Amino acid sequence: MLESGASSAAGNPETSGEESITLTNRISFSDPPAIIYPYAQDKTWSVKTSESVYTLVWNDSKGEVPLGYVLPRVVEKLLEAPDSIKGRVQVDSEKRTVRAFQGPTLESRSKLAADLSDYWRARDTFPILRGWRNELWPVYGRNGELLFDIERAASGLFGVMRYGVHMTAFVRCPNVSHGIKVWVPRRSPTKSTFPGMLDNTVAGGLMTGEDPFECVIREADEEASLPEQIVRHRAEYVGGVSYIYITKAEAGEEGLIYPEVQWIYDLEIPENIVPQPKDGEVAEFSLCTVEQVLEGLAQGQWKPNCALVILDFFIRHGILTRDNEPDYDQIVRRIHRRIPFPGPHNQDPSLGAIDEQTARVRGKRGSYHQSNPPFSCYLPARP
């Protein structure tokens, strides 16, 4: 499991195995078992947390469905909120489960989530809500149906699935090592999360009902001034990464649990196409050699989940291999882990978890590359 904000020597093929996987596994929970890395049957990398988390659950015709992981401090504030704001809430202290947002319709459930988020924001209950985004993120049921929307900043309080898109733009340069350079942005120093850290060329969160590829096109324009025609015709879908991480203060609040899946794209462009900041989220773009990227990774300069994406890029392009990385199989597994919550990631085979055996064959260049995302036209069904 990745701990947000962790420094690491990951990405440097010459570092020791212990150093190289600190980025992809800094801390794990032994309770609940579902977020142990690798999984409940393998306790090698698990560490007991000081907080025993609750599971946010939803009841359907087949029984309980887990939706997210909730910290005790959030449960405490949830119980303190007025019933007129939060609606019906059930907490089972023995099972460590929470039932909330139990309205009969999508609209009523989303209103409960919105009212509670607004209530906490107005009272500055949680620091994470100071980074309010006015973006609605989806929470899905067992069969992919949309259960409710929740403000992006508030989603982390309930540990529900978070989805996004990341794209790495690169240039073929025969005269440099590995034959490529990568466009790397530095985040604005005024960003509410991870200010000043290195990022992927283009990245953004998927709002409710948004197509991943259309999100890439939108973010490419907003963040990097990349023309739609270039992105639409040159961007290649190459799979995804999946992970769970625990936030530190740089993410807006410490200790929250973020299960995330990112759809990943590569964009090969000529050297004369230069990304430019546009919406104020990026301070500058730099065209970096592989060695410069590795140095930034080793120094902990990268936003943690973006570091995972660039590791995945290096694996797919044959830069990070089993020959030069002793913990190669572990790294591959840890950036393609199983997450026990429902959602589109469970319907997209390119986002599946990688076990130890599968990792041995997925490291070959292009072995989990796909030109078109199976989920690219997904629109959430209404219950």
Protein backbone atom coordinates (compact mmCIF):
# COMPACT_ATOMS: atom_id res chain seq x y z
CA MET A 1 0.00 0.00 0.00
CA LEU A 2 1.31 3.43 -0.83
CA GLU A 3 1.51 6.05 1.86
CA SER A 4 0.96 9.48 0.37
CA GLY A 5 3.92 11.79 0.48
CA ALA A 6 6.44 9.07 1.21
CA SER A 7 9.97 9.61 0.01
CA SER A 8 11.53 6.80 -1.94
CA ALA A 9 14.38 5.57 -4.03
CA ALA A 10 11.92 3.70 -6.20
CA GLY A 11 12.44 3.86 -9.91
CA ASN A 12 16.23 3.67 -9.69
CA PRO A 13 17.18 0.25 -11.07
CA GLU A 14 20.46 0.35 -9.15
CA THR A 15 18.94 0.75 -5.68
CA SER A 16 18.50 -2.14 -3.30
CA GLY A 17 15.30 -4.14 -3.34
CA GLU A 18 14.30 -2.79 0.07
CA GLU A 19 14.62 0.81 -1.13
CA SER A 20 13.01 0.25 -4.49
CA ILE A 21 9.62 -0.80 -3.17
CA THR A 22 9.23 1.74 -0.40
CA LEU A 23 7.18 3.88 -2.76
CA THR A 24 4.70 1.13 -3.55
CA ASN A 25 4.43 -0.24 -0.04
CA ARG A 26 5.05 2.06 2.90
CA ILE A 27 2.37 0.97 5.32
CA SER A 28 -0.41 -1.60 5.44
CA PHE A 29 -3.31 -2.39 7.72
CA SER A 30 -3.86 -5.74 9.36
CA ASP A 31 -7.49 -4.79 10.04
CA PRO A 32 -9.55 -5.00 7.90
CA PRO A 33 -7.86 -7.85 5.99
CA ALA A 34 -8.91 -6.54 2.57
CA ILE A 35 -6.33 -3.78 2.61
CA ILE A 36 -3.36 -5.85 3.68
CA TYR A 37 -0.70 -5.93 1.02
CA PRO A 38 -0.49 -8.23 -0.74
CA TYR A 39 -3.69 -9.72 0.74
CA ALA A 40 -5.02 -11.33 3.90
CA GLN A 41 -3.22 -14.63 3.31
CA ASP A 42 0.18 -12.94 3.13
CA LYS A 43 1.08 -10.91 6.24
CA THR A 44 4.67 -10.29 5.21
CA TRP A 45 4.17 -6.59 4.57
CA SER A 46 1.35 -5.79 6.97
CA VAL A 47 1.74 -3.38 9.86
CA LYS A 48 -0.82 -2.93 12.64
CA THR A 49 -2.44 0.48 12.47
CA SER A 50 -3.30 2.52 15.53
CA GLU A 51 -6.85 2.93 14.26
CA SER A 52 -9.23 0.06 13.55
CA VAL A 53 -11.21 1.28 10.58
CA TYR A 54 -14.87 0.80 9.80
CA THR A 55 -16.26 -0.41 6.48
CA LEU A 56 -18.95 1.65 4.76
CA VAL A 57 -21.50 -0.88 3.51
CA TRP A 58 -24.57 -0.90 1.28
CA ASN A 59 -27.35 -3.46 1.47
CA ASP A 60 -28.84 -4.83 -1.74
CA SER A 61 -30.85 -7.95 -2.59
CA LYS A 62 -27.74 -10.13 -2.25
CA GLY A 63 -26.63 -8.77 1.10
CA GLU A 64 -23.94 -6.34 2.20
CA VAL A 65 -21.60 -4.69 -0.28
CA PRO A 66 -18.46 -2.91 1.00
CA LEU A 67 -18.06 0.60 -0.42
CA GLY A 68 -15.19 2.17 1.50
CA TYR A 69 -13.05 2.42 4.62
CA VAL A 70 -13.96 5.00 7.28
CA LEU A 71 -11.75 6.13 10.14
CA PRO A 72 -13.12 6.16 13.70
CA ARG A 73 -12.79 9.95 13.89
CA VAL A 74 -15.08 10.29 10.88
CA VAL A 75 -17.61 7.86 12.38
CA GLU A 76 -17.59 9.91 15.58
CA LYS A 77 -18.41 13.13 13.72
CA LEU A 78 -20.98 11.30 11.61
CA LEU A 79 -22.86 10.24 14.74
CA GLU A 80 -22.71 13.78 16.12
CA ALA A 81 -24.27 15.33 13.00
CA PRO A 82 -28.02 16.12 13.20
CA ASP A 83 -30.35 13.45 11.85
CA SER A 84 -31.93 16.09 9.63
CA ILE A 85 -28.57 16.46 7.89
CA LYS A 86 -27.14 12.95 7.81
CA GLY A 87 -30.33 10.91 7.52
CA ARG A 88 -30.47 7.41 8.93
CA VAL A 89 -27.08 6.09 10.02
CA GLN A 90 -26.36 2.67 11.51
CA VAL A 91 -23.04 1.84 13.14
CA ASP A 92 -22.19 -1.69 14.25
CA SER A 93 -19.22 -1.43 16.60
CA GLU A 94 -18.69 -5.19 16.71
CA LYS A 95 -18.69 -5.72 12.94
CA ARG A 96 -17.03 -2.33 12.41
CA THR A 97 -19.56 -1.38 9.74
CA VAL A 98 -21.35 1.86 8.90
CA ARG A 99 -24.53 2.30 6.88
CA ALA A 100 -25.20 5.82 5.62
CA PHE A 101 -26.81 7.68 2.70
CA GLN A 102 -29.73 5.25 2.70
CA GLY A 103 -32.34 7.19 0.73
CA PRO A 104 -34.65 5.38 -1.71
CA THR A 105 -33.40 7.17 -4.84
CA LEU A 106 -30.13 8.31 -6.37
CA GLU A 107 -31.16 11.91 -5.87
CA SER A 108 -32.10 11.49 -2.21
CA ARG A 109 -28.88 9.62 -1.41
CA SER A 110 -26.77 12.21 -3.21
CA LYS A 111 -28.55 14.98 -1.29
CA LEU A 112 -27.70 13.33 2.02
CA ALA A 113 -24.05 13.12 0.99
CA ALA A 114 -24.09 16.76 -0.15
CA ASP A 115 -25.85 18.06 2.96
CA LEU A 116 -23.46 16.25 5.29
CA SER A 117 -20.41 17.43 3.34
CA ASP A 118 -21.70 21.03 3.39
CA TYR A 119 -22.41 20.79 7.12
CA TRP A 120 -18.89 19.63 7.90
CA ARG A 121 -17.32 22.13 5.55
CA ALA A 122 -19.16 25.06 7.14
CA ARG A 123 -17.84 24.01 10.56
CA ASP A 124 -14.32 23.20 9.35
CA THR A 125 -14.72 19.73 10.84
CA PHE A 126 -12.14 18.11 8.57
CA PRO A 127 -9.11 19.82 6.97
CA ILE A 128 -9.62 17.88 3.73
CA LEU A 129 -12.78 19.89 3.03
CA ARG A 130 -10.79 23.11 2.78
CA GLY A 131 -9.79 21.83 -0.65
CA TRP A 132 -13.41 21.83 -1.88
CA ARG A 133 -13.52 21.21 -5.64
CA ASN A 134 -17.18 21.46 -6.66
CA GLU A 135 -16.77 18.18 -8.51
CA LEU A 136 -19.10 15.24 -8.00
CA TRP A 137 -17.53 11.79 -7.87
CA PRO A 138 -19.50 8.55 -8.24
CA VAL A 139 -20.02 5.73 -5.76
CA TYR A 140 -21.13 2.47 -7.39
CA GLY A 141 -23.15 -0.53 -6.28
CA ARG A 142 -22.53 -4.23 -6.81
CA ASN A 143 -23.65 -4.30 -10.46
CA GLY A 144 -22.13 -0.99 -11.54
CA GLU A 145 -25.22 1.07 -10.74
CA LEU A 146 -24.65 4.58 -9.44
CA LEU A 147 -25.65 4.70 -5.76
CA PHE A 148 -24.87 8.34 -5.06
CA ASP A 149 -22.59 11.25 -5.92
CA ILE A 150 -20.30 12.88 -3.40
CA GLU A 151 -18.11 15.99 -3.46
CA ARG A 152 -14.59 15.06 -4.48
CA ALA A 153 -12.99 16.48 -1.33
CA ALA A 154 -15.46 14.60 0.88
CA SER A 155 -15.04 11.24 -0.83
CA GLY A 156 -11.83 10.57 1.08
CA LEU A 157 -13.65 10.78 4.41
CA PHE A 158 -15.55 7.62 3.49
CA GLY A 159 -12.68 5.82 1.77
CA VAL A 160 -14.73 5.13 -1.36
CA MET A 161 -13.31 4.37 -4.81
CA ARG A 162 -11.63 7.24 -6.61
CA TYR A 163 -11.06 7.18 -10.37
CA GLY A 164 -8.86 9.25 -12.61
CA VAL A 165 -6.89 9.45 -15.83
CA HIS A 166 -3.15 10.01 -16.23
CA MET A 167 -1.26 10.58 -19.46
CA THR A 168 2.49 10.61 -20.04
CA ALA A 169 3.67 12.64 -23.03
CA PHE A 170 7.07 11.64 -24.38
CA VAL A 171 9.42 12.45 -27.25
CA ARG A 172 11.61 10.02 -29.20
CA CYS A 173 15.23 11.14 -28.86
CA PRO A 174 17.70 8.63 -30.35
CA ASN A 175 20.71 10.43 -28.88
CA VAL A 176 19.71 10.00 -25.21
CA SER A 177 19.66 6.90 -23.05
CA HIS A 178 16.63 4.68 -23.64
CA GLY A 179 15.79 6.85 -26.65
CA ILE A 180 13.07 8.95 -25.00
CA LYS A 181 12.44 12.07 -22.96
CA VAL A 182 9.34 12.68 -20.86
CA TRP A 183 7.36 15.88 -20.35
CA VAL A 184 7.17 16.41 -16.58
CA PRO A 185 5.13 19.21 -14.99
CA ARG A 186 5.79 20.74 -11.60
CA ARG A 187 2.60 21.42 -9.67
CA SER A 188 1.77 24.99 -8.76
CA PRO A 189 3.04 26.07 -5.32
CA THR A 190 -0.51 27.26 -4.57
CA LYS A 191 -2.15 23.85 -5.10
CA SER A 192 -4.09 22.68 -2.04
CA THR A 193 -2.58 19.20 -2.38
CA PHE A 194 1.06 18.27 -3.08
CA PRO A 195 2.15 21.82 -4.01
CA GLY A 196 5.38 22.04 -5.98
CA MET A 197 5.71 18.30 -6.56
CA LEU A 198 6.35 16.58 -9.89
CA ASP A 199 3.38 15.12 -11.74
CA ASN A 200 2.39 13.23 -14.87
CA THR A 201 2.04 15.32 -18.02
CA VAL A 202 -1.75 15.32 -17.74
CA ALA A 203 -3.92 13.99 -14.92
CA GLY A 204 -7.39 14.49 -13.54
CA GLY A 205 -10.23 12.93 -11.61
CA LEU A 206 -13.19 11.28 -13.33
CA MET A 207 -16.45 12.97 -12.50
CA THR A 208 -19.76 11.13 -12.52
CA GLY A 209 -20.67 9.90 -15.99
CA GLU A 210 -17.46 11.17 -17.59
CA ASP A 211 -15.75 9.08 -20.26
CA PRO A 212 -12.06 8.47 -19.42
CA PHE A 213 -10.78 9.44 -22.86
CA GLU A 214 -12.87 12.61 -22.99
CA CYS A 215 -11.51 13.43 -19.55
CA VAL A 216 -7.96 13.09 -20.90
CA ILE A 217 -8.77 15.46 -23.75
CA ARG A 218 -10.32 18.00 -21.36
CA GLU A 219 -7.44 17.85 -18.90
CA ALA A 220 -4.84 18.00 -21.68
CA ASP A 221 -6.31 21.30 -22.81
CA GLU A 222 -6.85 22.75 -19.33
CA GLU A 223 -3.52 21.75 -17.79
CA ALA A 224 -1.09 21.55 -20.69
CA SER A 225 -2.61 23.49 -23.63
CA LEU A 226 -2.32 20.37 -25.79
CA PRO A 227 -4.57 20.59 -28.87
CA GLU A 228 -7.56 18.26 -28.92
CA GLN A 229 -6.72 17.01 -32.41
CA ILE A 230 -3.25 15.90 -31.28
CA VAL A 231 -4.52 14.10 -28.19
CA ARG A 232 -7.51 12.52 -29.89
CA HIS A 233 -5.41 11.03 -32.68
CA ARG A 234 -2.16 10.22 -30.86
CA ALA A 235 -3.07 9.23 -27.30
CA GLU A 236 -2.95 5.48 -26.64
CA TYR A 237 -4.71 3.70 -23.83
CA VAL A 238 -2.22 1.36 -22.17
CA GLY A 239 -4.06 -0.09 -19.17
CA GLY A 240 -4.21 1.15 -15.61
CA VAL A 241 -2.84 1.12 -12.11
CA SER A 242 -4.74 0.26 -8.93
CA TYR A 243 -3.62 0.82 -5.36
CA ILE A 244 -4.66 1.94 -1.88
CA TYR A 245 -2.78 4.64 -0.05
CA ILE A 246 -2.94 6.46 3.27
CA THR A 247 -2.74 10.22 3.10
CA LYS A 248 -0.34 12.55 4.83
CA ALA A 249 -0.78 16.27 5.38
CA GLU A 250 0.36 17.08 1.83
CA ALA A 251 -2.84 15.48 0.53
CA GLY A 252 -5.03 17.80 2.60
CA GLU A 253 -5.43 15.66 5.73
CA GLU A 254 -3.44 12.89 7.34
CA GLY A 255 -4.56 9.29 7.72
CA LEU A 256 -7.40 8.99 5.20
CA ILE A 257 -7.61 5.82 3.11
CA TYR A 258 -7.77 6.28 -0.67
CA PRO A 259 -8.50 3.27 -2.89
CA GLU A 260 -7.81 4.46 -6.43
CA VAL A 261 -7.79 3.27 -10.02
CA GLN A 262 -6.22 5.31 -12.81
CA TRP A 263 -6.74 4.80 -16.54
CA ILE A 264 -3.33 5.30 -18.18
CA TYR A 265 -2.52 6.82 -21.57
CA ASP A 266 0.72 7.39 -23.49
CA LEU A 267 1.12 10.30 -25.89
CA GLU A 268 4.07 10.30 -28.28
CA ILE A 269 4.58 13.79 -29.69
CA PRO A 270 7.28 15.51 -31.77
CA GLU A 271 9.71 17.79 -29.99
CA ASN A 272 8.13 20.92 -31.46
CA ILE A 273 4.88 20.32 -29.56
CA VAL A 274 5.52 21.84 -26.16
CA PRO A 275 3.01 21.61 -23.28
CA GLN A 276 2.25 24.98 -21.70
CA PRO A 277 0.54 25.77 -18.37
CA LYS A 278 -2.97 27.13 -18.79
CA ASP A 279 -5.29 26.83 -15.78
CA GLY A 280 -2.79 27.70 -13.06
CA GLU A 281 -2.43 24.15 -11.70
CA VAL A 282 1.03 23.70 -13.27
CA ALA A 283 4.01 25.96 -12.61
CA GLU A 284 6.15 24.71 -15.50
CA PHE A 285 6.85 21.80 -17.83
CA SER A 286 10.29 20.26 -18.33
CA LEU A 287 11.42 17.77 -20.98
CA CYS A 288 13.35 15.26 -18.86
CA THR A 289 15.66 12.38 -19.59
CA VAL A 290 15.02 9.02 -17.96
CA GLU A 291 17.91 9.71 -15.57
CA GLN A 292 16.36 13.00 -14.49
CA VAL A 293 13.04 11.29 -13.81
CA LEU A 294 14.77 8.55 -11.81
CA GLU A 295 16.60 11.16 -9.77
CA GLY A 296 13.34 12.91 -8.95
CA LEU A 297 11.80 9.61 -7.89
CA ALA A 298 14.78 8.79 -5.67
CA GLN A 299 14.54 12.20 -4.01
CA GLY A 300 10.81 11.88 -3.31
CA GLN A 301 9.93 14.84 -5.54
CA TRP A 302 7.03 13.08 -7.28
CA LYS A 303 3.40 13.14 -6.20
CA PRO A 304 3.04 9.55 -4.96
CA ASN A 305 0.36 8.18 -7.27
CA CYS A 306 2.01 9.89 -10.24
CA ALA A 307 5.23 8.12 -9.32
CA LEU A 308 3.38 4.82 -9.69
CA VAL A 309 2.22 5.84 -13.15
CA ILE A 310 5.74 6.70 -14.29
CA LEU A 311 7.00 3.39 -12.85
CA ASP A 312 4.34 1.67 -14.95
CA PHE A 313 5.55 3.68 -17.97
CA PHE A 314 9.14 2.55 -17.37
CA ILE A 315 8.03 -1.08 -17.07
CA ARG A 316 6.03 -0.97 -20.30
CA HIS A 317 8.86 0.71 -22.19
CA GLY A 318 11.49 -1.77 -21.02
CA ILE A 319 13.38 0.68 -18.81
CA LEU A 320 12.59 -1.04 -15.51
CA THR A 321 13.00 -4.79 -15.95
CA ARG A 322 13.45 -7.97 -14.00
CA ASP A 323 17.13 -7.90 -14.96
CA ASN A 324 17.84 -4.54 -13.30
CA GLU A 325 15.26 -4.56 -10.48
CA PRO A 326 15.34 -7.42 -7.94
CA ASP A 327 11.83 -6.62 -6.69
CA TYR A 328 10.34 -6.22 -10.14
CA ASP A 329 7.52 -8.74 -9.59
CA GLN A 330 6.56 -7.13 -6.29
CA ILE A 331 6.43 -3.68 -7.87
CA VAL A 332 4.22 -4.90 -10.71
CA ARG A 333 1.83 -6.53 -8.26
CA ARG A 334 1.65 -3.52 -5.99
CA ILE A 335 0.64 -1.12 -8.72
CA HIS A 336 -2.00 -3.57 -9.99
CA ARG A 337 -3.73 -4.71 -6.82
CA ARG A 338 -7.19 -6.05 -6.18
CA ILE A 339 -9.59 -3.60 -4.53
CA PRO A 340 -12.67 -5.12 -2.88
CA PHE A 341 -15.17 -2.40 -3.78
CA PRO A 342 -17.63 -2.43 -6.70
CA GLY A 343 -17.19 -0.18 -9.70
CA PRO A 344 -16.07 -0.02 -13.32
CA HIS A 345 -12.60 -1.29 -12.46
CA ASN A 346 -14.19 -4.70 -11.88
CA GLN A 347 -15.68 -4.65 -15.38
CA ASP A 348 -12.47 -3.69 -17.19
CA PRO A 349 -10.05 -6.62 -17.71
CA SER A 350 -7.15 -4.25 -18.38
CA LEU A 351 -7.40 -3.02 -14.79
CA GLY A 352 -7.34 -6.45 -13.15
CA ALA A 353 -5.13 -7.30 -10.21
CA ILE A 354 -1.81 -8.98 -10.97
CA ASP A 355 -0.79 -11.96 -8.87
CA GLU A 356 2.74 -13.26 -8.50
CA GLN A 357 2.50 -15.68 -11.41
CA THR A 358 0.91 -13.14 -13.74
CA ALA A 359 3.55 -10.56 -12.84
CA ARG A 360 6.20 -12.79 -14.36
CA VAL A 361 4.69 -12.49 -17.82
CA ARG A 362 3.37 -8.94 -17.67
CA GLY A 363 6.72 -7.26 -17.50
CA LYS A 364 7.46 -7.73 -21.16
CA ARG A 365 7.08 -4.53 -23.08
CA GLY A 366 3.52 -4.06 -24.25
CA SER A 367 2.22 -7.21 -22.57
CA TYR A 368 -0.59 -5.35 -20.88
CA HIS A 369 -0.92 -2.60 -23.45
CA GLN A 370 -4.36 -2.04 -24.97
CA SER A 371 -5.14 0.42 -27.75
CA ASN A 372 -8.72 1.06 -26.69
CA PRO A 373 -10.02 0.99 -23.12
CA PRO A 374 -12.84 -1.56 -22.71
CA PHE A 375 -14.46 0.89 -20.31
CA SER A 376 -14.08 3.99 -22.46
CA CYS A 377 -17.78 4.39 -23.15
CA TYR A 378 -19.02 3.44 -19.69
CA LEU A 379 -21.89 5.49 -18.36
CA PRO A 380 -23.23 4.58 -14.91
CA ALA A 381 -26.62 2.90 -14.86
CA ARG A 382 -29.37 4.40 -12.77
CA PRO A 383 -30.85 2.07 -10.14
